[in-house]
PDB file of all heavy atoms in Angstrom:
ATOM      1  N   CYS A   1     -22.564 -39.285 -18.053  1.00  0.00           N
ATOM      2  CA  CYS A   1     -21.346 -40.189 -17.951  1.00  0.00           C
ATOM      3  C   CYS A   1     -21.819 -41.543 -17.401  1.00  0.00           C
ATOM      4  O   CYS A   1     -21.319 -42.566 -17.943  1.00  0.00           O
ATOM      5  CB  CYS A   1     -20.327 -39.695 -16.924  1.00  0.00           C
ATOM      6  SG  CYS A   1     -19.379 -38.184 -17.702  1.00  0.00           S
ATOM      7  N   GLY A   2     -22.672 -41.561 -16.542  1.00  0.00           N
ATOM      8  CA  GLY A   2     -23.228 -42.826 -16.037  1.00  0.00           C
ATOM      9  C   GLY A   2     -23.978 -43.598 -17.168  1.00  0.00           C
ATOM     10  O   GLY A   2     -23.947 -44.826 -17.134  1.00  0.00           O
ATOM     11  N   TYR A   3     -24.637 -42.924 -18.087  1.00  0.00           N
ATOM     12  CA  TYR A   3     -25.296 -43.482 -19.199  1.00  0.00           C
ATOM     13  C   TYR A   3     -24.184 -44.267 -20.148  1.00  0.00           C
ATOM     14  O   TYR A   3     -24.476 -45.282 -20.662  1.00  0.00           O
ATOM     15  CB  TYR A   3     -26.045 -42.482 -19.972  1.00  0.00           C
ATOM     16  CG  TYR A   3     -26.840 -43.013 -21.067  1.00  0.00           C
ATOM     17  CD1 TYR A   3     -28.020 -43.720 -20.987  1.00  0.00           C
ATOM     18  CD2 TYR A   3     -26.519 -43.000 -22.414  1.00  0.00           C
ATOM     19  CE1 TYR A   3     -28.739 -44.324 -22.005  1.00  0.00           C
ATOM     20  CE2 TYR A   3     -27.035 -43.320 -23.469  1.00  0.00           C
ATOM     21  CZ  TYR A   3     -28.268 -44.165 -23.414  1.00  0.00           C
ATOM     22  OH  TYR A   3     -29.048 -44.539 -24.268  1.00  0.00           O
ATOM     23  N   ALA A   4     -22.998 -43.633 -20.173  1.00  0.00           N
ATOM     24  CA  ALA A   4     -21.913 -44.185 -20.965  1.00  0.00           C
ATOM     25  C   ALA A   4     -21.112 -45.103 -20.115  1.00  0.00           C
ATOM     26  O   ALA A   4     -20.047 -45.464 -20.404  1.00  0.00           O
ATOM     27  CB  ALA A   4     -21.067 -43.016 -21.529  1.00  0.00           C
ATOM     28  N   GLU A   5     -21.600 -45.552 -18.912  1.00  0.00           N
ATOM     29  CA  GLU A   5     -20.946 -46.483 -17.969  1.00  0.00           C
ATOM     30  C   GLU A   5     -19.676 -45.924 -17.490  1.00  0.00           C
ATOM     31  O   GLU A   5     -18.608 -46.753 -17.424  1.00  0.00           O
ATOM     32  CB  GLU A   5     -20.850 -47.776 -18.642  1.00  0.00           C
ATOM     33  CG  GLU A   5     -22.254 -48.546 -18.978  1.00  0.00           C
ATOM     34  CD  GLU A   5     -22.137 -49.914 -19.447  1.00  0.00           C
ATOM     35  OE1 GLU A   5     -20.864 -50.444 -19.610  1.00  0.00           O
ATOM     36  OE2 GLU A   5     -23.076 -50.425 -19.861  1.00  0.00           O
ATOM     37  N   ASN A   6     -19.561 -44.669 -17.313  1.00  0.00           N
ATOM     38  CA  ASN A   6     -18.300 -43.993 -16.762  1.00  0.00           C
ATOM     39  C   ASN A   6     -18.692 -43.223 -15.560  1.00  0.00           C
ATOM     40  O   ASN A   6     -19.437 -42.175 -15.567  1.00  0.00           O
ATOM     41  CB  ASN A   6     -17.798 -43.103 -17.809  1.00  0.00           C
ATOM     42  CG  ASN A   6     -16.536 -42.488 -17.371  1.00  0.00           C
ATOM     43  OD1 ASN A   6     -15.938 -42.761 -16.283  1.00  0.00           O
ATOM     44  ND2 ASN A   6     -16.109 -41.263 -18.105  1.00  0.00           N
ATOM     45  N   ASN A   7     -18.544 -43.771 -14.294  1.00  0.00           N
ATOM     46  CA  ASN A   7     -18.855 -43.125 -13.095  1.00  0.00           C
ATOM     47  C   ASN A   7     -17.919 -41.798 -12.757  1.00  0.00           C
ATOM     48  O   ASN A   7     -16.780 -42.062 -12.487  1.00  0.00           O
ATOM     49  CB  ASN A   7     -18.838 -43.955 -11.872  1.00  0.00           C
ATOM     50  CG  ASN A   7     -20.049 -45.060 -12.011  1.00  0.00           C
ATOM     51  OD1 ASN A   7     -20.933 -44.742 -12.642  1.00  0.00           O
ATOM     52  ND2 ASN A   7     -19.834 -46.172 -11.308  1.00  0.00           N
ATOM     53  N   LYS A   8     -18.564 -40.677 -12.868  1.00  0.00           N
ATOM     54  CA  LYS A   8     -17.750 -39.463 -12.787  1.00  0.00           C
ATOM     55  C   LYS A   8     -18.551 -38.551 -11.677  1.00  0.00           C
ATOM     56  O   LYS A   8     -19.868 -38.578 -11.750  1.00  0.00           O
ATOM     57  CB  LYS A   8     -17.616 -38.666 -13.926  1.00  0.00           C
ATOM     58  CG  LYS A   8     -16.231 -38.433 -14.394  1.00  0.00           C
ATOM     59  CD  LYS A   8     -16.119 -37.671 -15.703  1.00  0.00           C
ATOM     60  CE  LYS A   8     -14.950 -36.976 -15.935  1.00  0.00           C
ATOM     61  NZ  LYS A   8     -14.840 -36.257 -17.104  1.00  0.00           N
ATOM     62  N   LYS A   9     -17.855 -37.917 -10.857  1.00  0.00           N
ATOM     63  CA  LYS A   9     -18.465 -37.161  -9.827  1.00  0.00           C
ATOM     64  C   LYS A   9     -19.183 -35.884 -10.470  1.00  0.00           C
ATOM     65  O   LYS A   9     -18.424 -35.170 -11.228  1.00  0.00           O
ATOM     66  CB  LYS A   9     -17.501 -36.754  -8.691  1.00  0.00           C
ATOM     67  CG  LYS A   9     -18.149 -36.083  -7.506  1.00  0.00           C
ATOM     68  CD  LYS A   9     -17.078 -35.687  -6.483  1.00  0.00           C
ATOM     69  CE  LYS A   9     -17.665 -34.842  -5.418  1.00  0.00           C
ATOM     70  NZ  LYS A   9     -16.748 -34.328  -4.472  1.00  0.00           N
ATOM     71  N   ALA A  10     -20.415 -35.560 -10.093  1.00  0.00           N
ATOM     72  CA  ALA A  10     -21.048 -34.356 -10.705  1.00  0.00           C
ATOM     73  C   ALA A  10     -20.701 -33.133  -9.821  1.00  0.00           C
ATOM     74  O   ALA A  10     -20.596 -33.204  -8.529  1.00  0.00           O
ATOM     75  CB  ALA A  10     -22.504 -34.645 -10.487  1.00  0.00           C
ATOM     76  N   GLU A  11     -20.522 -32.063 -10.454  1.00  0.00           N
ATOM     77  CA  GLU A  11     -20.254 -30.718  -9.807  1.00  0.00           C
ATOM     78  C   GLU A  11     -21.480 -29.799  -9.784  1.00  0.00           C
ATOM     79  O   GLU A  11     -21.642 -28.984  -8.998  1.00  0.00           O
ATOM     80  CB  GLU A  11     -19.025 -29.933 -10.486  1.00  0.00           C
ATOM     81  CG  GLU A  11     -17.759 -30.769 -10.513  1.00  0.00           C
ATOM     82  CD  GLU A  11     -17.192 -31.037  -9.135  1.00  0.00           C
ATOM     83  OE1 GLU A  11     -17.415 -30.074  -8.236  1.00  0.00           O
ATOM     84  OE2 GLU A  11     -16.669 -32.030  -8.933  1.00  0.00           O
ATOM     85  N   LYS A  12     -22.361 -30.012 -10.787  1.00  0.00           N
ATOM     86  CA  LYS A  12     -23.593 -29.288 -10.935  1.00  0.00           C
ATOM     87  C   LYS A  12     -24.811 -30.182 -11.030  1.00  0.00           C
ATOM     88  O   LYS A  12     -24.710 -31.411 -11.378  1.00  0.00           O
ATOM     89  CB  LYS A  12     -23.562 -28.373 -12.197  1.00  0.00           C
ATOM     90  CG  LYS A  12     -22.474 -27.305 -12.300  1.00  0.00           C
ATOM     91  CD  LYS A  12     -22.857 -26.176 -11.360  1.00  0.00           C
ATOM     92  CE  LYS A  12     -21.783 -25.126 -11.368  1.00  0.00           C
ATOM     93  NZ  LYS A  12     -22.086 -23.903 -10.549  1.00  0.00           N
ATOM     94  N   TRP A  13     -25.979 -29.520 -10.724  1.00  0.00           N
ATOM     95  CA  TRP A  13     -27.264 -30.326 -10.884  1.00  0.00           C
ATOM     96  C   TRP A  13     -28.123 -29.486 -11.724  1.00  0.00           C
ATOM     97  O   TRP A  13     -28.412 -28.310 -11.460  1.00  0.00           O
ATOM     98  CB  TRP A  13     -27.807 -30.447  -9.376  1.00  0.00           C
ATOM     99  CG  TRP A  13     -29.204 -31.314  -9.491  1.00  0.00           C
ATOM    100  CD1 TRP A  13     -30.449 -30.711  -9.521  1.00  0.00           C
ATOM    101  CD2 TRP A  13     -29.325 -32.665  -9.528  1.00  0.00           C
ATOM    102  NE1 TRP A  13     -31.348 -31.689  -9.620  1.00  0.00           N
ATOM    103  CE2 TRP A  13     -30.672 -32.974  -9.551  1.00  0.00           C
ATOM    104  CE3 TRP A  13     -28.446 -33.774  -9.503  1.00  0.00           C
ATOM    105  CZ2 TRP A  13     -31.264 -34.144  -9.573  1.00  0.00           C
ATOM    106  CZ3 TRP A  13     -29.040 -35.058  -9.456  1.00  0.00           C
ATOM    107  CH2 TRP A  13     -30.400 -35.189  -9.503  1.00  0.00           C
ATOM    108  N   CYS A  14     -28.660 -30.198 -12.819  1.00  0.00           N
ATOM    109  CA  CYS A  14     -29.645 -29.530 -13.630  1.00  0.00           C
ATOM    110  C   CYS A  14     -31.062 -29.737 -13.147  1.00  0.00           C
ATOM    111  O   CYS A  14     -31.585 -30.878 -12.895  1.00  0.00           O
ATOM    112  CB  CYS A  14     -29.617 -30.105 -15.075  1.00  0.00           C
ATOM    113  SG  CYS A  14     -30.797 -29.282 -16.164  1.00  0.00           S
ATOM    114  N   THR A  15     -31.717 -28.662 -12.761  1.00  0.00           N
ATOM    115  CA  THR A  15     -33.074 -28.833 -12.179  1.00  0.00           C
ATOM    116  C   THR A  15     -34.110 -29.127 -13.143  1.00  0.00           C
ATOM    117  O   THR A  15     -35.183 -29.513 -12.752  1.00  0.00           O
ATOM    118  CB  THR A  15     -33.464 -27.403 -11.418  1.00  0.00           C
ATOM    119  OG1 THR A  15     -33.450 -26.299 -12.447  1.00  0.00           O
ATOM    120  CG2 THR A  15     -32.514 -26.953 -10.349  1.00  0.00           C
ATOM    121  N   VAL A  16     -33.777 -28.993 -14.406  1.00  0.00           N
ATOM    122  CA  VAL A  16     -34.818 -29.272 -15.437  1.00  0.00           C
ATOM    123  C   VAL A  16     -34.587 -30.792 -15.843  1.00  0.00           C
ATOM    124  O   VAL A  16     -35.648 -31.457 -15.756  1.00  0.00           O
ATOM    125  CB  VAL A  16     -34.571 -28.469 -16.786  1.00  0.00           C
ATOM    126  CG1 VAL A  16     -35.583 -28.798 -17.870  1.00  0.00           C
ATOM    127  CG2 VAL A  16     -34.824 -26.960 -16.418  1.00  0.00           C
ATOM    128  N   CYS A  17     -33.398 -31.250 -16.126  1.00  0.00           N
ATOM    129  CA  CYS A  17     -33.262 -32.644 -16.472  1.00  0.00           C
ATOM    130  C   CYS A  17     -33.260 -33.591 -15.238  1.00  0.00           C
ATOM    131  O   CYS A  17     -33.337 -34.638 -15.316  1.00  0.00           O
ATOM    132  CB  CYS A  17     -31.851 -32.792 -17.117  1.00  0.00           C
ATOM    133  SG  CYS A  17     -31.788 -31.847 -18.711  1.00  0.00           S
ATOM    134  N   GLU A  18     -33.015 -32.840 -14.045  1.00  0.00           N
ATOM    135  CA  GLU A  18     -33.016 -33.551 -12.829  1.00  0.00           C
ATOM    136  C   GLU A  18     -31.882 -34.692 -12.744  1.00  0.00           C
ATOM    137  O   GLU A  18     -32.214 -35.874 -12.429  1.00  0.00           O
ATOM    138  CB  GLU A  18     -34.396 -34.250 -12.413  1.00  0.00           C
ATOM    139  CG  GLU A  18     -35.368 -33.114 -12.215  1.00  0.00           C
ATOM    140  CD  GLU A  18     -36.738 -33.649 -11.693  1.00  0.00           C
ATOM    141  OE1 GLU A  18     -37.026 -34.933 -11.926  1.00  0.00           O
ATOM    142  OE2 GLU A  18     -37.663 -32.956 -11.310  1.00  0.00           O
ATOM    143  N   GLU A  19     -30.691 -34.272 -13.136  1.00  0.00           N
ATOM    144  CA  GLU A  19     -29.490 -35.166 -13.027  1.00  0.00           C
ATOM    145  C   GLU A  19     -28.263 -34.301 -12.784  1.00  0.00           C
ATOM    146  O   GLU A  19     -28.272 -33.146 -13.149  1.00  0.00           O
ATOM    147  CB  GLU A  19     -29.389 -36.094 -14.279  1.00  0.00           C
ATOM    148  CG  GLU A  19     -29.097 -35.383 -15.624  1.00  0.00           C
ATOM    149  CD  GLU A  19     -28.940 -36.352 -16.678  1.00  0.00           C
ATOM    150  OE1 GLU A  19     -29.056 -37.587 -16.496  1.00  0.00           O
ATOM    151  OE2 GLU A  19     -28.755 -35.850 -17.821  1.00  0.00           O
ATOM    152  N   GLY A  20     -27.193 -35.041 -12.317  1.00  0.00           N
ATOM    153  CA  GLY A  20     -25.959 -34.388 -12.041  1.00  0.00           C
ATOM    154  C   GLY A  20     -25.087 -34.224 -13.387  1.00  0.00           C
ATOM    155  O   GLY A  20     -25.282 -35.014 -14.294  1.00  0.00           O
ATOM    156  N   LEU A  21     -24.178 -33.259 -13.294  1.00  0.00           N
ATOM    157  CA  LEU A  21     -23.355 -32.995 -14.483  1.00  0.00           C
ATOM    158  C   LEU A  21     -21.948 -32.721 -13.977  1.00  0.00           C
ATOM    159  O   LEU A  21     -21.650 -32.002 -13.117  1.00  0.00           O
ATOM    160  CB  LEU A  21     -23.777 -31.831 -15.338  1.00  0.00           C
ATOM    161  CG  LEU A  21     -25.216 -31.801 -15.874  1.00  0.00           C
ATOM    162  CD1 LEU A  21     -25.586 -30.396 -16.393  1.00  0.00           C
ATOM    163  CD2 LEU A  21     -25.289 -32.829 -17.027  1.00  0.00           C
ATOM    164  N   CYS A  22     -20.919 -33.530 -14.535  1.00  0.00           N
ATOM    165  CA  CYS A  22     -19.609 -33.227 -14.308  1.00  0.00           C
ATOM    166  C   CYS A  22     -19.176 -31.984 -15.123  1.00  0.00           C
ATOM    167  O   CYS A  22     -19.981 -31.386 -15.900  1.00  0.00           O
ATOM    168  CB  CYS A  22     -18.673 -34.410 -14.741  1.00  0.00           C
ATOM    169  SG  CYS A  22     -18.614 -34.632 -16.540  1.00  0.00           S
ATOM    170  N   VAL A  23     -17.934 -31.527 -14.875  1.00  0.00           N
ATOM    171  CA  VAL A  23     -17.485 -30.326 -15.505  1.00  0.00           C
ATOM    172  C   VAL A  23     -17.604 -30.322 -16.966  1.00  0.00           C
ATOM    173  O   VAL A  23     -18.081 -29.405 -17.793  1.00  0.00           O
ATOM    174  CB  VAL A  23     -15.996 -29.959 -15.085  1.00  0.00           C
ATOM    175  CG1 VAL A  23     -15.508 -28.688 -15.743  1.00  0.00           C
ATOM    176  CG2 VAL A  23     -15.960 -29.784 -13.572  1.00  0.00           C
ATOM    177  N   ASP A  24     -17.164 -31.428 -17.625  1.00  0.00           N
ATOM    178  CA  ASP A  24     -17.167 -31.606 -19.074  1.00  0.00           C
ATOM    179  C   ASP A  24     -18.594 -31.584 -19.582  1.00  0.00           C
ATOM    180  O   ASP A  24     -18.936 -30.938 -20.675  1.00  0.00           O
ATOM    181  CB  ASP A  24     -16.516 -32.919 -19.521  1.00  0.00           C
ATOM    182  CG  ASP A  24     -14.951 -32.952 -19.174  1.00  0.00           C
ATOM    183  OD1 ASP A  24     -14.395 -31.751 -19.087  1.00  0.00           O
ATOM    184  OD2 ASP A  24     -14.367 -33.927 -18.939  1.00  0.00           O
ATOM    185  N   CYS A  25     -19.437 -32.359 -18.860  1.00  0.00           N
ATOM    186  CA  CYS A  25     -20.782 -32.552 -19.392  1.00  0.00           C
ATOM    187  C   CYS A  25     -21.590 -31.139 -19.147  1.00  0.00           C
ATOM    188  O   CYS A  25     -22.548 -30.888 -19.928  1.00  0.00           O
ATOM    189  CB  CYS A  25     -21.550 -33.561 -18.681  1.00  0.00           C
ATOM    190  SG  CYS A  25     -20.943 -35.299 -19.259  1.00  0.00           S
ATOM    191  N   GLU A  26     -21.216 -30.407 -18.190  1.00  0.00           N
ATOM    192  CA  GLU A  26     -21.893 -28.993 -17.923  1.00  0.00           C
ATOM    193  C   GLU A  26     -21.563 -28.192 -19.188  1.00  0.00           C
ATOM    194  O   GLU A  26     -22.435 -27.507 -19.598  1.00  0.00           O
ATOM    195  CB  GLU A  26     -21.215 -28.473 -16.633  1.00  0.00           C
ATOM    196  CG  GLU A  26     -21.833 -27.122 -16.410  1.00  0.00           C
ATOM    197  CD  GLU A  26     -21.040 -26.384 -15.364  1.00  0.00           C
ATOM    198  OE1 GLU A  26     -20.147 -26.912 -14.569  1.00  0.00           O
ATOM    199  OE2 GLU A  26     -21.282 -25.223 -15.113  1.00  0.00           O
ATOM    200  N   LYS A  27     -20.317 -28.200 -19.689  1.00  0.00           N
ATOM    201  CA  LYS A  27     -19.950 -27.353 -20.740  1.00  0.00           C
ATOM    202  C   LYS A  27     -20.800 -27.818 -22.122  1.00  0.00           C
ATOM    203  O   LYS A  27     -21.237 -26.932 -22.791  1.00  0.00           O
ATOM    204  CB  LYS A  27     -18.469 -27.580 -21.223  1.00  0.00           C
ATOM    205  CG  LYS A  27     -17.515 -26.841 -20.139  1.00  0.00           C
ATOM    206  CD  LYS A  27     -16.105 -27.114 -20.491  1.00  0.00           C
ATOM    207  CE  LYS A  27     -15.226 -26.551 -19.392  1.00  0.00           C
ATOM    208  NZ  LYS A  27     -13.861 -26.962 -19.598  1.00  0.00           N
ATOM    209  N   VAL A  28     -20.971 -29.180 -22.293  1.00  0.00           N
ATOM    210  CA  VAL A  28     -21.784 -29.643 -23.311  1.00  0.00           C
ATOM    211  C   VAL A  28     -23.308 -29.239 -23.153  1.00  0.00           C
ATOM    212  O   VAL A  28     -23.934 -28.731 -24.167  1.00  0.00           O
ATOM    213  CB  VAL A  28     -21.638 -31.116 -23.483  1.00  0.00           C
ATOM    214  CG1 VAL A  28     -22.597 -31.683 -24.591  1.00  0.00           C
ATOM    215  CG2 VAL A  28     -20.217 -31.520 -23.765  1.00  0.00           C
ATOM    216  N   HIS A  29     -23.709 -29.279 -21.977  1.00  0.00           N
ATOM    217  CA  HIS A  29     -25.095 -29.030 -21.577  1.00  0.00           C
ATOM    218  C   HIS A  29     -25.430 -27.505 -21.939  1.00  0.00           C
ATOM    219  O   HIS A  29     -26.437 -27.196 -22.476  1.00  0.00           O
ATOM    220  CB  HIS A  29     -25.375 -29.247 -20.111  1.00  0.00           C
ATOM    221  CG  HIS A  29     -26.744 -29.553 -19.669  1.00  0.00           C
ATOM    222  ND1 HIS A  29     -27.316 -30.682 -20.010  1.00  0.00           N
ATOM    223  CD2 HIS A  29     -27.563 -28.731 -19.012  1.00  0.00           C
ATOM    224  CE1 HIS A  29     -28.610 -30.704 -19.546  1.00  0.00           C
ATOM    225  NE2 HIS A  29     -28.688 -29.538 -18.895  1.00  0.00           N
ATOM    226  N   LYS A  30     -24.442 -26.597 -21.616  1.00  0.00           N
ATOM    227  CA  LYS A  30     -24.670 -25.242 -21.870  1.00  0.00           C
ATOM    228  C   LYS A  30     -24.486 -24.943 -23.433  1.00  0.00           C
ATOM    229  O   LYS A  30     -24.964 -23.792 -23.815  1.00  0.00           O
ATOM    230  CB  LYS A  30     -23.618 -24.327 -21.126  1.00  0.00           C
ATOM    231  CG  LYS A  30     -23.967 -24.270 -19.560  1.00  0.00           C
ATOM    232  CD  LYS A  30     -22.874 -23.545 -18.898  1.00  0.00           C
ATOM    233  CE  LYS A  30     -23.231 -23.363 -17.439  1.00  0.00           C
ATOM    234  NZ  LYS A  30     -22.283 -22.612 -16.704  1.00  0.00           N
ATOM    235  N   SER A  31     -23.729 -25.761 -24.096  1.00  0.00           N
ATOM    236  CA  SER A  31     -23.632 -25.424 -25.542  1.00  0.00           C
ATOM    237  C   SER A  31     -24.776 -26.040 -26.447  1.00  0.00           C
ATOM    238  O   SER A  31     -24.963 -25.456 -27.615  1.00  0.00           O
ATOM    239  CB  SER A  31     -22.275 -26.095 -26.014  1.00  0.00           C
ATOM    240  OG  SER A  31     -22.441 -27.479 -25.992  1.00  0.00           O
ATOM    241  N   ILE A  32     -25.546 -26.797 -26.020  1.00  0.00           N
ATOM    242  CA  ILE A  32     -26.649 -27.370 -26.784  1.00  0.00           C
ATOM    243  C   ILE A  32     -27.950 -26.336 -26.686  1.00  0.00           C
ATOM    244  O   ILE A  32     -28.159 -26.019 -25.469  1.00  0.00           O
ATOM    245  CB  ILE A  32     -27.028 -28.836 -26.279  1.00  0.00           C
ATOM    246  CG1 ILE A  32     -25.845 -29.730 -26.546  1.00  0.00           C
ATOM    247  CG2 ILE A  32     -28.381 -29.277 -27.099  1.00  0.00           C
ATOM    248  CD1 ILE A  32     -26.131 -31.143 -25.904  1.00  0.00           C
ATOM    249  N   LYS A  33     -28.490 -26.072 -27.745  1.00  0.00           N
ATOM    250  CA  LYS A  33     -29.637 -25.107 -27.746  1.00  0.00           C
ATOM    251  C   LYS A  33     -30.693 -25.384 -26.933  1.00  0.00           C
ATOM    252  O   LYS A  33     -31.274 -24.577 -26.226  1.00  0.00           O
ATOM    253  CB  LYS A  33     -30.061 -24.886 -29.249  1.00  0.00           C
ATOM    254  CG  LYS A  33     -30.973 -23.872 -29.416  1.00  0.00           C
ATOM    255  CD  LYS A  33     -31.445 -23.542 -30.897  1.00  0.00           C
ATOM    256  CE  LYS A  33     -32.304 -22.402 -31.046  1.00  0.00           C
ATOM    257  NZ  LYS A  33     -32.621 -22.172 -32.424  1.00  0.00           N
ATOM    258  N   THR A  34     -31.118 -26.787 -26.845  1.00  0.00           N
ATOM    259  CA  THR A  34     -32.307 -27.057 -26.074  1.00  0.00           C
ATOM    260  C   THR A  34     -32.122 -27.111 -24.610  1.00  0.00           C
ATOM    261  O   THR A  34     -33.048 -27.038 -23.757  1.00  0.00           O
ATOM    262  CB  THR A  34     -32.773 -28.441 -26.470  1.00  0.00           C
ATOM    263  OG1 THR A  34     -31.781 -29.334 -26.447  1.00  0.00           O
ATOM    264  CG2 THR A  34     -33.409 -28.415 -27.942  1.00  0.00           C
ATOM    265  N   THR A  35     -30.784 -27.176 -24.238  1.00  0.00           N
ATOM    266  CA  THR A  35     -30.480 -27.233 -22.779  1.00  0.00           C
ATOM    267  C   THR A  35     -29.770 -25.987 -22.166  1.00  0.00           C
ATOM    268  O   THR A  35     -29.458 -25.972 -21.023  1.00  0.00           O
ATOM    269  CB  THR A  35     -29.640 -28.472 -22.366  1.00  0.00           C
ATOM    270  OG1 THR A  35     -28.430 -28.595 -23.183  1.00  0.00           O
ATOM    271  CG2 THR A  35     -30.507 -29.800 -22.572  1.00  0.00           C
ATOM    272  N   ARG A  36     -29.441 -25.030 -23.142  1.00  0.00           N
ATOM    273  CA  ARG A  36     -28.702 -23.905 -22.848  1.00  0.00           C
ATOM    274  C   ARG A  36     -29.269 -23.089 -21.622  1.00  0.00           C
ATOM    275  O   ARG A  36     -28.443 -22.562 -20.833  1.00  0.00           O
ATOM    276  CB  ARG A  36     -28.614 -22.994 -24.112  1.00  0.00           C
ATOM    277  CG  ARG A  36     -27.606 -21.869 -24.061  1.00  0.00           C
ATOM    278  CD  ARG A  36     -27.409 -21.261 -25.368  1.00  0.00           C
ATOM    279  NE  ARG A  36     -26.772 -22.095 -26.349  1.00  0.00           N
ATOM    280  CZ  ARG A  36     -27.134 -22.086 -27.598  1.00  0.00           C
ATOM    281  NH1 ARG A  36     -27.838 -21.147 -28.211  1.00  0.00           N
ATOM    282  NH2 ARG A  36     -26.532 -22.975 -28.428  1.00  0.00           N
ATOM    283  N   ASN A  37     -30.545 -22.909 -21.623  1.00  0.00           N
ATOM    284  CA  ASN A  37     -31.160 -22.122 -20.590  1.00  0.00           C
ATOM    285  C   ASN A  37     -31.641 -22.893 -19.383  1.00  0.00           C
ATOM    286  O   ASN A  37     -32.382 -22.398 -18.574  1.00  0.00           O
ATOM    287  CB  ASN A  37     -32.375 -21.361 -21.229  1.00  0.00           C
ATOM    288  CG  ASN A  37     -31.866 -20.338 -22.240  1.00  0.00           C
ATOM    289  OD1 ASN A  37     -30.775 -19.715 -22.099  1.00  0.00           O
ATOM    290  ND2 ASN A  37     -32.659 -20.156 -23.351  1.00  0.00           N
ATOM    291  N   HIS A  38     -31.219 -24.158 -19.293  1.00  0.00           N
ATOM    292  CA  HIS A  38     -31.639 -24.944 -18.101  1.00  0.00           C
ATOM    293  C   HIS A  38     -30.908 -24.343 -16.833  1.00  0.00           C
ATOM    294  O   HIS A  38     -29.771 -23.903 -16.956  1.00  0.00           O
ATOM    295  CB  HIS A  38     -31.124 -26.425 -18.236  1.00  0.00           C
ATOM    296  CG  HIS A  38     -32.121 -27.093 -19.112  1.00  0.00           C
ATOM    297  ND1 HIS A  38     -32.039 -28.490 -19.339  1.00  0.00           N
ATOM    298  CD2 HIS A  38     -33.011 -26.687 -20.014  1.00  0.00           C
ATOM    299  CE1 HIS A  38     -32.896 -28.915 -20.180  1.00  0.00           C
ATOM    300  NE2 HIS A  38     -33.639 -27.922 -20.654  1.00  0.00           N
ATOM    301  N   ARG A  39     -31.597 -24.394 -15.723  1.00  0.00           N
ATOM    302  CA  ARG A  39     -31.026 -23.828 -14.414  1.00  0.00           C
ATOM    303  C   ARG A  39     -30.170 -24.847 -13.778  1.00  0.00           C
ATOM    304  O   ARG A  39     -30.550 -25.981 -13.645  1.00  0.00           O
ATOM    305  CB  ARG A  39     -32.240 -23.497 -13.542  1.00  0.00           C
ATOM    306  CG  ARG A  39     -31.812 -22.987 -12.206  1.00  0.00           C
ATOM    307  CD  ARG A  39     -32.536 -21.771 -11.754  1.00  0.00           C
ATOM    308  NE  ARG A  39     -32.276 -21.473 -10.371  1.00  0.00           N
ATOM    309  CZ  ARG A  39     -31.244 -20.858  -9.887  1.00  0.00           C
ATOM    310  NH1 ARG A  39     -30.223 -20.561 -10.613  1.00  0.00           N
ATOM    311  NH2 ARG A  39     -31.006 -20.621  -8.551  1.00  0.00           N
ATOM    312  N   LEU A  40     -28.894 -24.512 -13.570  1.00  0.00           N
ATOM    313  CA  LEU A  40     -27.886 -25.270 -12.971  1.00  0.00           C
ATOM    314  C   LEU A  40     -27.652 -24.846 -11.537  1.00  0.00           C
ATOM    315  O   LEU A  40     -27.437 -23.527 -11.517  1.00  0.00           O
ATOM    316  CB  LEU A  40     -26.596 -25.439 -13.817  1.00  0.00           C
ATOM    317  CG  LEU A  40     -26.777 -25.962 -15.231  1.00  0.00           C
ATOM    318  CD1 LEU A  40     -25.407 -25.942 -15.944  1.00  0.00           C
ATOM    319  CD2 LEU A  40     -27.429 -27.363 -15.333  1.00  0.00           C
ATOM    320  N   ILE A  41     -27.512 -25.695 -10.710  1.00  0.00           N
ATOM    321  CA  ILE A  41     -27.103 -25.299  -9.356  1.00  0.00           C
ATOM    322  C   ILE A  41     -26.015 -26.217  -8.820  1.00  0.00           C
ATOM    323  O   ILE A  41     -25.771 -27.323  -9.524  1.00  0.00           O
ATOM    324  CB  ILE A  41     -28.294 -25.391  -8.261  1.00  0.00           C
ATOM    325  CG1 ILE A  41     -28.926 -26.808  -8.216  1.00  0.00           C
ATOM    326  CG2 ILE A  41     -29.398 -24.332  -8.642  1.00  0.00           C
ATOM    327  CD1 ILE A  41     -29.933 -27.016  -7.102  1.00  0.00           C
ATOM    328  N   SER A  42     -25.293 -25.846  -7.789  1.00  0.00           N
ATOM    329  CA  SER A  42     -24.139 -26.534  -7.378  1.00  0.00           C
ATOM    330  C   SER A  42     -24.760 -27.912  -6.697  1.00  0.00           C
ATOM    331  O   SER A  42     -25.829 -27.919  -6.232  1.00  0.00           O
ATOM    332  CB  SER A  42     -23.275 -25.976  -6.336  1.00  0.00           C
ATOM    333  OG  SER A  42     -23.999 -25.726  -5.122  1.00  0.00           O
ATOM    334  N   THR A  43     -23.924 -28.962  -6.686  1.00  0.00           N
ATOM    335  CA  THR A  43     -24.418 -30.236  -6.019  1.00  0.00           C
ATOM    336  C   THR A  43     -24.563 -30.024  -4.526  1.00  0.00           C
ATOM    337  O   THR A  43     -25.422 -30.604  -3.865  1.00  0.00           O
ATOM    338  CB  THR A  43     -23.488 -31.333  -6.305  1.00  0.00           C
ATOM    339  OG1 THR A  43     -22.063 -30.999  -5.964  1.00  0.00           O
ATOM    340  CG2 THR A  43     -23.495 -31.870  -7.747  1.00  0.00           C
ATOM    341  N   GLN A  44     -23.818 -29.053  -3.853  1.00  0.00           N
ATOM    342  CA  GLN A  44     -23.936 -28.785  -2.424  1.00  0.00           C
ATOM    343  C   GLN A  44     -25.394 -28.078  -2.196  1.00  0.00           C
ATOM    344  O   GLN A  44     -25.964 -28.469  -1.311  1.00  0.00           O
ATOM    345  CB  GLN A  44     -22.867 -27.812  -2.037  1.00  0.00           C
ATOM    346  CG  GLN A  44     -21.590 -28.440  -1.951  1.00  0.00           C
ATOM    347  CD  GLN A  44     -20.742 -28.288  -3.240  1.00  0.00           C
ATOM    348  OE1 GLN A  44     -21.281 -27.872  -4.247  1.00  0.00           O
ATOM    349  NE2 GLN A  44     -19.531 -28.726  -3.362  1.00  0.00           N
ATOM    350  N   ASP A  45     -25.765 -27.189  -3.098  1.00  0.00           N
ATOM    351  CA  ASP A  45     -27.139 -26.649  -2.961  1.00  0.00           C
ATOM    352  C   ASP A  45     -28.179 -27.654  -3.188  1.00  0.00           C
ATOM    353  O   ASP A  45     -29.116 -27.717  -2.442  1.00  0.00           O
ATOM    354  CB  ASP A  45     -27.398 -25.477  -3.992  1.00  0.00           C
ATOM    355  CG  ASP A  45     -26.443 -24.218  -3.577  1.00  0.00           C
ATOM    356  OD1 ASP A  45     -25.945 -24.165  -2.526  1.00  0.00           O
ATOM    357  OD2 ASP A  45     -26.305 -23.404  -4.368  1.00  0.00           O
TER     358      ASP A  45
END
């Protein structure tokens, strides 16, 4: 979202991409074949 100049709070963190993901981007992240198996953790963790 930040890349698209839209500041949105992240709920998850991708340990592979090393960036935060909001709820919508998390769904997209899980749906793409290359990022489907990336490990996601909560931003609190």
